[in-house]
mmCIF file of all heavy atoms, coordinates in Angstrom:
data_MODEL
# 
_entry.id   MODEL 
# 
loop_
_atom_site.group_PDB 
_atom_site.id 
_atom_site.type_symbol 
_atom_site.label_atom_id 
_atom_site.label_alt_id 
_atom_site.label_comp_id 
_atom_site.label_asym_id 
_atom_site.label_entity_id 
_atom_site.label_seq_id 
_atom_site.pdbx_PDB_ins_code 
_atom_site.Cartn_x 
_atom_site.Cartn_y 
_atom_site.Cartn_z 
_atom_site.occupancy 
_atom_site.B_iso_or_equiv 
_atom_site.pdbx_formal_charge 
_atom_site.auth_seq_id 
_atom_site.auth_comp_id 
_atom_site.auth_asym_id 
_atom_site.auth_atom_id 
_atom_site.pdbx_PDB_model_num 
ATOM 1   N N   . ASN A 1 1  ? 75.401 90.943  102.979 1.00 0.00 ? 1  ASN A N   1 
ATOM 2   C CA  . ASN A 1 1  ? 76.703 90.788  103.609 1.00 0.00 ? 1  ASN A CA  1 
ATOM 3   C C   . ASN A 1 1  ? 77.417 92.130  103.496 1.00 0.00 ? 1  ASN A C   1 
ATOM 4   O O   . ASN A 1 1  ? 77.511 92.695  102.404 1.00 0.00 ? 1  ASN A O   1 
ATOM 5   C CB  . ASN A 1 1  ? 77.522 89.695  102.912 1.00 0.00 ? 1  ASN A CB  1 
ATOM 6   C CG  . ASN A 1 1  ? 76.784 88.372  102.875 1.00 0.00 ? 1  ASN A CG  1 
ATOM 7   O OD1 . ASN A 1 1  ? 76.340 87.876  103.906 1.00 0.00 ? 1  ASN A OD1 1 
ATOM 8   N ND2 . ASN A 1 1  ? 76.614 87.810  101.685 1.00 0.00 ? 1  ASN A ND2 1 
ATOM 9   N N   . ALA A 1 2  ? 77.908 92.638  104.617 1.00 0.00 ? 2  ALA A N   1 
ATOM 10  C CA  . ALA A 1 2  ? 78.482 93.982  104.572 1.00 0.00 ? 2  ALA A CA  1 
ATOM 11  C C   . ALA A 1 2  ? 79.663 94.102  105.516 1.00 0.00 ? 2  ALA A C   1 
ATOM 12  O O   . ALA A 1 2  ? 79.706 93.456  106.570 1.00 0.00 ? 2  ALA A O   1 
ATOM 13  C CB  . ALA A 1 2  ? 77.421 95.017  104.932 1.00 0.00 ? 2  ALA A CB  1 
ATOM 14  N N   . VAL A 1 3  ? 80.600 94.943  105.127 1.00 0.00 ? 3  VAL A N   1 
ATOM 15  C CA  . VAL A 1 3  ? 81.779 95.208  105.946 1.00 0.00 ? 3  VAL A CA  1 
ATOM 16  C C   . VAL A 1 3  ? 82.008 96.710  105.999 1.00 0.00 ? 3  VAL A C   1 
ATOM 17  O O   . VAL A 1 3  ? 81.826 97.412  105.000 1.00 0.00 ? 3  VAL A O   1 
ATOM 18  C CB  . VAL A 1 3  ? 83.018 94.472  105.399 1.00 0.00 ? 3  VAL A CB  1 
ATOM 19  C CG1 . VAL A 1 3  ? 83.366 94.943  103.996 1.00 0.00 ? 3  VAL A CG1 1 
ATOM 20  C CG2 . VAL A 1 3  ? 84.208 94.614  106.324 1.00 0.00 ? 3  VAL A CG2 1 
ATOM 21  N N   . SER A 1 4  ? 82.375 97.208  107.186 1.00 0.00 ? 4  SER A N   1 
ATOM 22  C CA  . SER A 1 4  ? 82.546 98.635  107.387 1.00 0.00 ? 4  SER A CA  1 
ATOM 23  C C   . SER A 1 4  ? 83.862 98.924  108.090 1.00 0.00 ? 4  SER A C   1 
ATOM 24  O O   . SER A 1 4  ? 84.394 98.088  108.824 1.00 0.00 ? 4  SER A O   1 
ATOM 25  C CB  . SER A 1 4  ? 81.397 99.183  108.248 1.00 0.00 ? 4  SER A CB  1 
ATOM 26  O OG  . SER A 1 4  ? 81.611 100.542 108.599 1.00 0.00 ? 4  SER A OG  1 
ATOM 27  N N   . GLY A 1 5  ? 84.345 100.141 107.912 1.00 0.00 ? 5  GLY A N   1 
ATOM 28  C CA  . GLY A 1 5  ? 85.434 100.634 108.729 1.00 0.00 ? 5  GLY A CA  1 
ATOM 29  C C   . GLY A 1 5  ? 84.954 100.816 110.163 1.00 0.00 ? 5  GLY A C   1 
ATOM 30  O O   . GLY A 1 5  ? 83.766 101.021 110.422 1.00 0.00 ? 5  GLY A O   1 
ATOM 31  N N   . TYR A 1 6  ? 85.878 100.794 111.103 1.00 0.00 ? 6  TYR A N   1 
ATOM 32  C CA  . TYR A 1 6  ? 85.492 100.778 112.511 1.00 0.00 ? 6  TYR A CA  1 
ATOM 33  C C   . TYR A 1 6  ? 84.947 102.107 113.019 1.00 0.00 ? 6  TYR A C   1 
ATOM 34  O O   . TYR A 1 6  ? 84.354 102.177 114.097 1.00 0.00 ? 6  TYR A O   1 
ATOM 35  C CB  . TYR A 1 6  ? 86.641 100.299 113.398 1.00 0.00 ? 6  TYR A CB  1 
ATOM 36  C CG  . TYR A 1 6  ? 87.949 101.040 113.285 1.00 0.00 ? 6  TYR A CG  1 
ATOM 37  C CD1 . TYR A 1 6  ? 88.123 102.302 113.849 1.00 0.00 ? 6  TYR A CD1 1 
ATOM 38  C CD2 . TYR A 1 6  ? 89.036 100.453 112.638 1.00 0.00 ? 6  TYR A CD2 1 
ATOM 39  C CE1 . TYR A 1 6  ? 89.338 102.964 113.756 1.00 0.00 ? 6  TYR A CE1 1 
ATOM 40  C CE2 . TYR A 1 6  ? 90.263 101.118 112.546 1.00 0.00 ? 6  TYR A CE2 1 
ATOM 41  C CZ  . TYR A 1 6  ? 90.410 102.371 113.109 1.00 0.00 ? 6  TYR A CZ  1 
ATOM 42  O OH  . TYR A 1 6  ? 91.616 103.024 113.026 1.00 0.00 ? 6  TYR A OH  1 
ATOM 43  N N   . SER A 1 7  ? 85.103 103.169 112.261 1.00 0.00 ? 7  SER A N   1 
ATOM 44  C CA  . SER A 1 7  ? 84.572 104.460 112.698 1.00 0.00 ? 7  SER A CA  1 
ATOM 45  C C   . SER A 1 7  ? 83.057 104.445 112.817 1.00 0.00 ? 7  SER A C   1 
ATOM 46  O O   . SER A 1 7  ? 82.480 105.264 113.538 1.00 0.00 ? 7  SER A O   1 
ATOM 47  C CB  . SER A 1 7  ? 84.995 105.560 111.727 1.00 0.00 ? 7  SER A CB  1 
ATOM 48  O OG  . SER A 1 7  ? 84.570 105.249 110.410 1.00 0.00 ? 7  SER A OG  1 
ATOM 49  N N   . GLY A 1 8  ? 82.398 103.509 112.130 1.00 0.00 ? 8  GLY A N   1 
ATOM 50  C CA  . GLY A 1 8  ? 80.947 103.425 112.205 1.00 0.00 ? 8  GLY A CA  1 
ATOM 51  C C   . GLY A 1 8  ? 80.435 103.055 113.580 1.00 0.00 ? 8  GLY A C   1 
ATOM 52  O O   . GLY A 1 8  ? 79.261 103.269 113.887 1.00 0.00 ? 8  GLY A O   1 
ATOM 53  N N   . GLY A 1 9  ? 81.304 102.506 114.423 1.00 0.00 ? 9  GLY A N   1 
ATOM 54  C CA  . GLY A 1 9  ? 80.888 102.113 115.768 1.00 0.00 ? 9  GLY A CA  1 
ATOM 55  C C   . GLY A 1 9  ? 81.053 103.195 116.810 1.00 0.00 ? 9  GLY A C   1 
ATOM 56  O O   . GLY A 1 9  ? 80.824 102.955 117.998 1.00 0.00 ? 9  GLY A O   1 
ATOM 57  N N   . GLY A 1 10 ? 81.463 104.392 116.400 1.00 0.00 ? 10 GLY A N   1 
ATOM 58  C CA  . GLY A 1 10 ? 81.611 105.484 117.339 1.00 0.00 ? 10 GLY A CA  1 
ATOM 59  C C   . GLY A 1 10 ? 82.909 105.420 118.129 1.00 0.00 ? 10 GLY A C   1 
ATOM 60  O O   . GLY A 1 10 ? 83.794 104.607 117.867 1.00 0.00 ? 10 GLY A O   1 
ATOM 61  N N   . LYS A 1 11 ? 83.013 106.303 119.134 1.00 0.00 ? 11 LYS A N   1 
ATOM 62  C CA  . LYS A 1 11 ? 84.269 106.479 119.859 1.00 0.00 ? 11 LYS A CA  1 
ATOM 63  C C   . LYS A 1 11 ? 84.742 105.196 120.541 1.00 0.00 ? 11 LYS A C   1 
ATOM 64  O O   . LYS A 1 11 ? 85.938 104.906 120.587 1.00 0.00 ? 11 LYS A O   1 
ATOM 65  C CB  . LYS A 1 11 ? 84.128 107.603 120.879 1.00 0.00 ? 11 LYS A CB  1 
ATOM 66  C CG  . LYS A 1 11 ? 84.028 108.988 120.254 1.00 0.00 ? 11 LYS A CG  1 
ATOM 67  C CD  . LYS A 1 11 ? 83.973 110.073 121.303 1.00 0.00 ? 11 LYS A CD  1 
ATOM 68  C CE  . LYS A 1 11 ? 83.959 111.456 120.664 1.00 0.00 ? 11 LYS A CE  1 
ATOM 69  N NZ  . LYS A 1 11 ? 83.894 112.526 121.698 1.00 0.00 ? 11 LYS A NZ  1 
ATOM 70  N N   . ALA A 1 12 ? 83.810 104.408 121.100 1.00 0.00 ? 12 ALA A N   1 
ATOM 71  C CA  . ALA A 1 12 ? 84.205 103.207 121.834 1.00 0.00 ? 12 ALA A CA  1 
ATOM 72  C C   . ALA A 1 12 ? 84.857 102.188 120.904 1.00 0.00 ? 12 ALA A C   1 
ATOM 73  O O   . ALA A 1 12 ? 85.899 101.605 121.236 1.00 0.00 ? 12 ALA A O   1 
ATOM 74  C CB  . ALA A 1 12 ? 83.001 102.598 122.540 1.00 0.00 ? 12 ALA A CB  1 
ATOM 75  N N   . LEU A 1 13 ? 84.248 101.963 119.743 1.00 0.00 ? 13 LEU A N   1 
ATOM 76  C CA  . LEU A 1 13 ? 84.815 100.978 118.820 1.00 0.00 ? 13 LEU A CA  1 
ATOM 77  C C   . LEU A 1 13 ? 86.099 101.504 118.186 1.00 0.00 ? 13 LEU A C   1 
ATOM 78  O O   . LEU A 1 13 ? 87.042 100.735 117.948 1.00 0.00 ? 13 LEU A O   1 
ATOM 79  C CB  . LEU A 1 13 ? 83.793 100.612 117.738 1.00 0.00 ? 13 LEU A CB  1 
ATOM 80  C CG  . LEU A 1 13 ? 84.184 99.405  116.880 1.00 0.00 ? 13 LEU A CG  1 
ATOM 81  C CD1 . LEU A 1 13 ? 84.316 98.144  117.728 1.00 0.00 ? 13 LEU A CD1 1 
ATOM 82  C CD2 . LEU A 1 13 ? 83.163 99.184  115.763 1.00 0.00 ? 13 LEU A CD2 1 
ATOM 83  N N   . ILE A 1 14 ? 86.161 102.800 117.912 1.00 0.00 ? 14 ILE A N   1 
ATOM 84  C CA  . ILE A 1 14 ? 87.396 103.382 117.377 1.00 0.00 ? 14 ILE A CA  1 
ATOM 85  C C   . ILE A 1 14 ? 88.542 103.137 118.359 1.00 0.00 ? 14 ILE A C   1 
ATOM 86  O O   . ILE A 1 14 ? 89.625 102.688 117.978 1.00 0.00 ? 14 ILE A O   1 
ATOM 87  C CB  . ILE A 1 14 ? 87.216 104.888 117.117 1.00 0.00 ? 14 ILE A CB  1 
ATOM 88  C CG1 . ILE A 1 14 ? 86.237 105.120 115.952 1.00 0.00 ? 14 ILE A CG1 1 
ATOM 89  C CG2 . ILE A 1 14 ? 88.557 105.546 116.808 1.00 0.00 ? 14 ILE A CG2 1 
ATOM 90  C CD1 . ILE A 1 14 ? 85.843 106.570 115.760 1.00 0.00 ? 14 ILE A CD1 1 
ATOM 91  N N   . ALA A 1 15 ? 88.273 103.401 119.631 1.00 0.00 ? 15 ALA A N   1 
ATOM 92  C CA  . ALA A 1 15 ? 89.308 103.195 120.652 1.00 0.00 ? 15 ALA A CA  1 
ATOM 93  C C   . ALA A 1 15 ? 89.705 101.730 120.744 1.00 0.00 ? 15 ALA A C   1 
ATOM 94  O O   . ALA A 1 15 ? 90.892 101.400 120.904 1.00 0.00 ? 15 ALA A O   1 
ATOM 95  C CB  . ALA A 1 15 ? 88.809 103.692 122.004 1.00 0.00 ? 15 ALA A CB  1 
ATOM 96  N N   . ARG A 1 16 ? 88.733 100.837 120.648 1.00 0.00 ? 16 ARG A N   1 
ATOM 97  C CA  . ARG A 1 16 ? 89.038 99.405  120.747 1.00 0.00 ? 16 ARG A CA  1 
ATOM 98  C C   . ARG A 1 16 ? 89.947 98.954  119.610 1.00 0.00 ? 16 ARG A C   1 
ATOM 99  O O   . ARG A 1 16 ? 90.933 98.254  119.827 1.00 0.00 ? 16 ARG A O   1 
ATOM 100 C CB  . ARG A 1 16 ? 87.746 98.590  120.743 1.00 0.00 ? 16 ARG A CB  1 
ATOM 101 C CG  . ARG A 1 16 ? 87.978 97.091  120.896 1.00 0.00 ? 16 ARG A CG  1 
ATOM 102 C CD  . ARG A 1 16 ? 86.687 96.317  120.883 1.00 0.00 ? 16 ARG A CD  1 
ATOM 103 N NE  . ARG A 1 16 ? 86.961 94.882  120.967 1.00 0.00 ? 16 ARG A NE  1 
ATOM 104 C CZ  . ARG A 1 16 ? 86.048 93.950  120.724 1.00 0.00 ? 16 ARG A CZ  1 
ATOM 105 N NH1 . ARG A 1 16 ? 84.808 94.282  120.411 1.00 0.00 ? 16 ARG A NH1 1 
ATOM 106 N NH2 . ARG A 1 16 ? 86.373 92.672  120.811 1.00 0.00 ? 16 ARG A NH2 1 
ATOM 107 N N   . PHE A 1 17 ? 89.619 99.363  118.388 1.00 0.00 ? 17 PHE A N   1 
ATOM 108 C CA  . PHE A 1 17 ? 90.440 98.949  117.252 1.00 0.00 ? 17 PHE A CA  1 
ATOM 109 C C   . PHE A 1 17 ? 91.828 99.579  117.301 1.00 0.00 ? 17 PHE A C   1 
ATOM 110 O O   . PHE A 1 17 ? 92.807 98.955  116.880 1.00 0.00 ? 17 PHE A O   1 
ATOM 111 C CB  . PHE A 1 17 ? 89.742 99.299  115.937 1.00 0.00 ? 17 PHE A CB  1 
ATOM 112 C CG  . PHE A 1 17 ? 88.942 98.161  115.363 1.00 0.00 ? 17 PHE A CG  1 
ATOM 113 C CD1 . PHE A 1 17 ? 87.668 97.885  115.824 1.00 0.00 ? 17 PHE A CD1 1 
ATOM 114 C CD2 . PHE A 1 17 ? 89.468 97.345  114.378 1.00 0.00 ? 17 PHE A CD2 1 
ATOM 115 C CE1 . PHE A 1 17 ? 86.923 96.842  115.304 1.00 0.00 ? 17 PHE A CE1 1 
ATOM 116 C CE2 . PHE A 1 17 ? 88.739 96.288  113.854 1.00 0.00 ? 17 PHE A CE2 1 
ATOM 117 C CZ  . PHE A 1 17 ? 87.470 96.030  114.312 1.00 0.00 ? 17 PHE A CZ  1 
ATOM 118 N N   . GLU A 1 18 ? 91.913 100.786 117.812 1.00 0.00 ? 18 GLU A N   1 
ATOM 119 C CA  . GLU A 1 18 ? 93.214 101.444 117.857 1.00 0.00 ? 18 GLU A CA  1 
ATOM 120 C C   . GLU A 1 18 ? 94.056 100.977 119.031 1.00 0.00 ? 18 GLU A C   1 
ATOM 121 O O   . GLU A 1 18 ? 95.283 101.041 118.985 1.00 0.00 ? 18 GLU A O   1 
ATOM 122 C CB  . GLU A 1 18 ? 93.017 102.958 117.872 1.00 0.00 ? 18 GLU A CB  1 
ATOM 123 C CG  . GLU A 1 18 ? 92.418 103.448 116.548 1.00 0.00 ? 18 GLU A CG  1 
ATOM 124 C CD  . GLU A 1 18 ? 92.215 104.952 116.481 1.00 0.00 ? 18 GLU A CD  1 
ATOM 125 O OE1 . GLU A 1 18 ? 92.343 105.612 117.536 1.00 0.00 ? 18 GLU A OE1 1 
ATOM 126 O OE2 . GLU A 1 18 ? 91.921 105.468 115.381 1.00 0.00 ? 18 GLU A OE2 1 
ATOM 127 N N   . ASP A 1 19 ? 93.392 100.468 120.079 1.00 0.00 ? 19 ASP A N   1 
ATOM 128 C CA  . ASP A 1 19 ? 94.134 99.937  121.232 1.00 0.00 ? 19 ASP A CA  1 
ATOM 129 C C   . ASP A 1 19 ? 94.486 98.465  121.050 1.00 0.00 ? 19 ASP A C   1 
ATOM 130 O O   . ASP A 1 19 ? 95.602 98.039  121.352 1.00 0.00 ? 19 ASP A O   1 
ATOM 131 C CB  . ASP A 1 19 ? 93.321 100.113 122.519 1.00 0.00 ? 19 ASP A CB  1 
ATOM 132 C CG  . ASP A 1 19 ? 93.169 101.573 122.913 1.00 0.00 ? 19 ASP A CG  1 
ATOM 133 O OD1 . ASP A 1 19 ? 93.954 102.397 122.413 1.00 0.00 ? 19 ASP A OD1 1 
ATOM 134 O OD2 . ASP A 1 19 ? 92.252 101.876 123.692 1.00 0.00 ? 19 ASP A OD2 1 
ATOM 135 N N   . GLU A 1 20 ? 93.513 97.678  120.568 1.00 0.00 ? 20 GLU A N   1 
ATOM 136 C CA  . GLU A 1 20 ? 93.745 96.242  120.346 1.00 0.00 ? 20 GLU A CA  1 
ATOM 137 C C   . GLU A 1 20 ? 94.161 96.062  118.886 1.00 0.00 ? 20 GLU A C   1 
ATOM 138 O O   . GLU A 1 20 ? 93.360 95.681  118.037 1.00 0.00 ? 20 GLU A O   1 
ATOM 139 C CB  . GLU A 1 20 ? 92.485 95.436  120.661 1.00 0.00 ? 20 GLU A CB  1 
ATOM 140 C CG  . GLU A 1 20 ? 91.983 95.588  122.091 1.00 0.00 ? 20 GLU A CG  1 
ATOM 141 C CD  . GLU A 1 20 ? 90.711 94.798  122.329 1.00 0.00 ? 20 GLU A CD  1 
ATOM 142 O OE1 . GLU A 1 20 ? 90.608 93.640  121.859 1.00 0.00 ? 20 GLU A OE1 1 
ATOM 143 O OE2 . GLU A 1 20 ? 89.803 95.354  122.987 1.00 0.00 ? 20 GLU A OE2 1 
ATOM 144 N N   . THR A 1 21 ? 95.405 96.297  118.616 1.00 0.00 ? 21 THR A N   1 
ATOM 145 C CA  . THR A 1 21 ? 95.877 96.360  117.227 1.00 0.00 ? 21 THR A CA  1 
ATOM 146 C C   . THR A 1 21 ? 95.908 95.002  116.530 1.00 0.00 ? 21 THR A C   1 
ATOM 147 O O   . THR A 1 21 ? 96.177 94.941  115.333 1.00 0.00 ? 21 THR A O   1 
ATOM 148 C CB  . THR A 1 21 ? 97.278 96.980  117.173 1.00 0.00 ? 21 THR A CB  1 
ATOM 149 O OG1 . THR A 1 21 ? 98.163 96.224  118.015 1.00 0.00 ? 21 THR A OG1 1 
ATOM 150 C CG2 . THR A 1 21 ? 97.246 98.425  117.662 1.00 0.00 ? 21 THR A CG2 1 
ATOM 151 N N   . ASN A 1 22 ? 95.613 93.936  117.243 1.00 0.00 ? 22 ASN A N   1 
ATOM 152 C CA  . ASN A 1 22 ? 95.613 92.608  116.622 1.00 0.00 ? 22 ASN A CA  1 
ATOM 153 C C   . ASN A 1 22 ? 94.258 92.233  116.024 1.00 0.00 ? 22 ASN A C   1 
ATOM 154 O O   . ASN A 1 22 ? 94.109 91.175  115.421 1.00 0.00 ? 22 ASN A O   1 
ATOM 155 C CB  . ASN A 1 22 ? 96.039 91.540  117.646 1.00 0.00 ? 22 ASN A CB  1 
ATOM 156 C CG  . ASN A 1 22 ? 96.461 90.238  116.977 1.00 0.00 ? 22 ASN A CG  1 
ATOM 157 O OD1 . ASN A 1 22 ? 97.081 90.258  115.916 1.00 0.00 ? 22 ASN A OD1 1 
ATOM 158 N ND2 . ASN A 1 22 ? 96.124 89.117  117.587 1.00 0.00 ? 22 ASN A ND2 1 
ATOM 159 N N   . ILE A 1 23 ? 93.245 93.068  116.190 1.00 0.00 ? 23 ILE A N   1 
ATOM 160 C CA  . ILE A 1 23 ? 91.933 92.780  115.603 1.00 0.00 ? 23 ILE A CA  1 
ATOM 161 C C   . ILE A 1 23 ? 91.993 93.026  114.096 1.00 0.00 ? 23 ILE A C   1 
ATOM 162 O O   . ILE A 1 23 ? 92.325 94.126  113.650 1.00 0.00 ? 23 ILE A O   1 
ATOM 163 C CB  . ILE A 1 23 ? 90.823 93.654  116.209 1.00 0.00 ? 23 ILE A CB  1 
ATOM 164 C CG1 . ILE A 1 23 ? 90.703 93.419  117.712 1.00 0.00 ? 23 ILE A CG1 1 
ATOM 165 C CG2 . ILE A 1 23 ? 89.484 93.358  115.530 1.00 0.00 ? 23 ILE A CG2 1 
ATOM 166 C CD1 . ILE A 1 23 ? 89.693 94.330  118.384 1.00 0.00 ? 23 ILE A CD1 1 
ATOM 167 N N   . ALA A 1 24 ? 91.642 92.011  113.315 1.00 0.00 ? 24 ALA A N   1 
ATOM 168 C CA  . ALA A 1 24 ? 91.614 92.149  111.860 1.00 0.00 ? 24 ALA A CA  1 
ATOM 169 C C   . ALA A 1 24 ? 90.187 92.192  111.330 1.00 0.00 ? 24 ALA A C   1 
ATOM 170 O O   . ALA A 1 24 ? 89.909 92.843  110.318 1.00 0.00 ? 24 ALA A O   1 
ATOM 171 C CB  . ALA A 1 24 ? 92.369 90.995  111.206 1.00 0.00 ? 24 ALA A CB  1 
ATOM 172 N N   . PHE A 1 25 ? 89.267 91.506  112.011 1.00 0.00 ? 25 PHE A N   1 
ATOM 173 C CA  . PHE A 1 25 ? 87.897 91.353  111.508 1.00 0.00 ? 25 PHE A CA  1 
ATOM 174 C C   . PHE A 1 25 ? 86.982 91.151  112.703 1.00 0.00 ? 25 PHE A C   1 
ATOM 175 O O   . PHE A 1 25 ? 87.309 90.414  113.631 1.00 0.00 ? 25 PHE A O   1 
ATOM 176 C CB  . PHE A 1 25 ? 87.822 90.150  110.566 1.00 0.00 ? 25 PHE A CB  1 
ATOM 177 C CG  . PHE A 1 25 ? 86.450 89.854  110.019 1.00 0.00 ? 25 PHE A CG  1 
ATOM 178 C CD1 . PHE A 1 25 ? 86.001 90.460  108.864 1.00 0.00 ? 25 PHE A CD1 1 
ATOM 179 C CD2 . PHE A 1 25 ? 85.604 88.956  110.658 1.00 0.00 ? 25 PHE A CD2 1 
ATOM 180 C CE1 . PHE A 1 25 ? 84.736 90.176  108.346 1.00 0.00 ? 25 PHE A CE1 1 
ATOM 181 C CE2 . PHE A 1 25 ? 84.342 88.666  110.160 1.00 0.00 ? 25 PHE A CE2 1 
ATOM 182 C CZ  . PHE A 1 25 ? 83.910 89.289  108.999 1.00 0.00 ? 25 PHE A CZ  1 
ATOM 183 N N   . ARG A 1 26 ? 85.823 91.802  112.680 1.00 0.00 ? 26 ARG A N   1 
ATOM 184 C CA  . ARG A 1 26 ? 84.849 91.671  113.754 1.00 0.00 ? 26 ARG A CA  1 
ATOM 185 C C   . ARG A 1 26 ? 83.473 91.454  113.149 1.00 0.00 ? 26 ARG A C   1 
ATOM 186 O O   . ARG A 1 26 ? 82.938 92.334  112.478 1.00 0.00 ? 26 ARG A O   1 
ATOM 187 C CB  . ARG A 1 26 ? 84.840 92.928  114.631 1.00 0.00 ? 26 ARG A CB  1 
ATOM 188 C CG  . ARG A 1 26 ? 83.730 92.964  115.686 1.00 0.00 ? 26 ARG A CG  1 
ATOM 189 C CD  . ARG A 1 26 ? 83.776 94.272  116.469 1.00 0.00 ? 26 ARG A CD  1 
ATOM 190 N NE  . ARG A 1 26 ? 82.723 94.359  117.457 1.00 0.00 ? 26 ARG A NE  1 
ATOM 191 C CZ  . ARG A 1 26 ? 81.586 95.067  117.324 1.00 0.00 ? 26 ARG A CZ  1 
ATOM 192 N NH1 . ARG A 1 26 ? 81.362 95.744  116.201 1.00 0.00 ? 26 ARG A NH1 1 
ATOM 193 N NH2 . ARG A 1 26 ? 80.687 95.107  118.277 1.00 0.00 ? 26 ARG A NH2 1 
ATOM 194 N N   . ALA A 1 27 ? 82.912 90.286  113.368 1.00 0.00 ? 27 ALA A N   1 
ATOM 195 C CA  . ALA A 1 27 ? 81.525 90.014  112.970 1.00 0.00 ? 27 ALA A CA  1 
ATOM 196 C C   . ALA A 1 27 ? 80.624 90.321  114.157 1.00 0.00 ? 27 ALA A C   1 
ATOM 197 O O   . ALA A 1 27 ? 80.954 90.017  115.303 1.00 0.00 ? 27 ALA A O   1 
ATOM 198 C CB  . ALA A 1 27 ? 81.368 88.554  112.550 1.00 0.00 ? 27 ALA A CB  1 
ATOM 199 N N   . TYR A 1 28 ? 79.490 90.926  113.895 1.00 0.00 ? 28 TYR A N   1 
ATOM 200 C CA  . TYR A 1 28 ? 78.559 91.243  114.988 1.00 0.00 ? 28 TYR A CA  1 
ATOM 201 C C   . TYR A 1 28 ? 77.133 91.174  114.453 1.00 0.00 ? 28 TYR A C   1 
ATOM 202 O O   . TYR A 1 28 ? 76.894 90.743  113.326 1.00 0.00 ? 28 TYR A O   1 
ATOM 203 C CB  . TYR A 1 28 ? 78.882 92.599  115.603 1.00 0.00 ? 28 TYR A CB  1 
ATOM 204 C CG  . TYR A 1 28 ? 78.575 93.800  114.721 1.00 0.00 ? 28 TYR A CG  1 
ATOM 205 C CD1 . TYR A 1 28 ? 77.484 94.617  114.977 1.00 0.00 ? 28 TYR A CD1 1 
ATOM 206 C CD2 . TYR A 1 28 ? 79.399 94.131  113.649 1.00 0.00 ? 28 TYR A CD2 1 
ATOM 207 C CE1 . TYR A 1 28 ? 77.209 95.722  114.189 1.00 0.00 ? 28 TYR A CE1 1 
ATOM 208 C CE2 . TYR A 1 28 ? 79.131 95.233  112.861 1.00 0.00 ? 28 TYR A CE2 1 
ATOM 209 C CZ  . TYR A 1 28 ? 78.042 96.025  113.130 1.00 0.00 ? 28 TYR A CZ  1 
ATOM 210 O OH  . TYR A 1 28 ? 77.773 97.109  112.338 1.00 0.00 ? 28 TYR A OH  1 
ATOM 211 N N   . GLY A 1 29 ? 76.171 91.563  115.266 1.00 0.00 ? 29 GLY A N   1 
ATOM 212 C CA  . GLY A 1 29 ? 74.765 91.416  114.875 1.00 0.00 ? 29 GLY A CA  1 
ATOM 213 C C   . GLY A 1 29 ? 74.363 89.961  114.762 1.00 0.00 ? 29 GLY A C   1 
ATOM 214 O O   . GLY A 1 29 ? 73.475 89.607  113.981 1.00 0.00 ? 29 GLY A O   1 
# 
C-alpha cells in the first residue's frame, strides 16, 4: 500500500492537482 505526492505523475498530473483543487486523494492502478 503506497501513497505519493502528485509530482510523481509528471506535468499532466501536477497540472490536474493544481487546477482541480478539490482533489484530496486519488487511487489508481
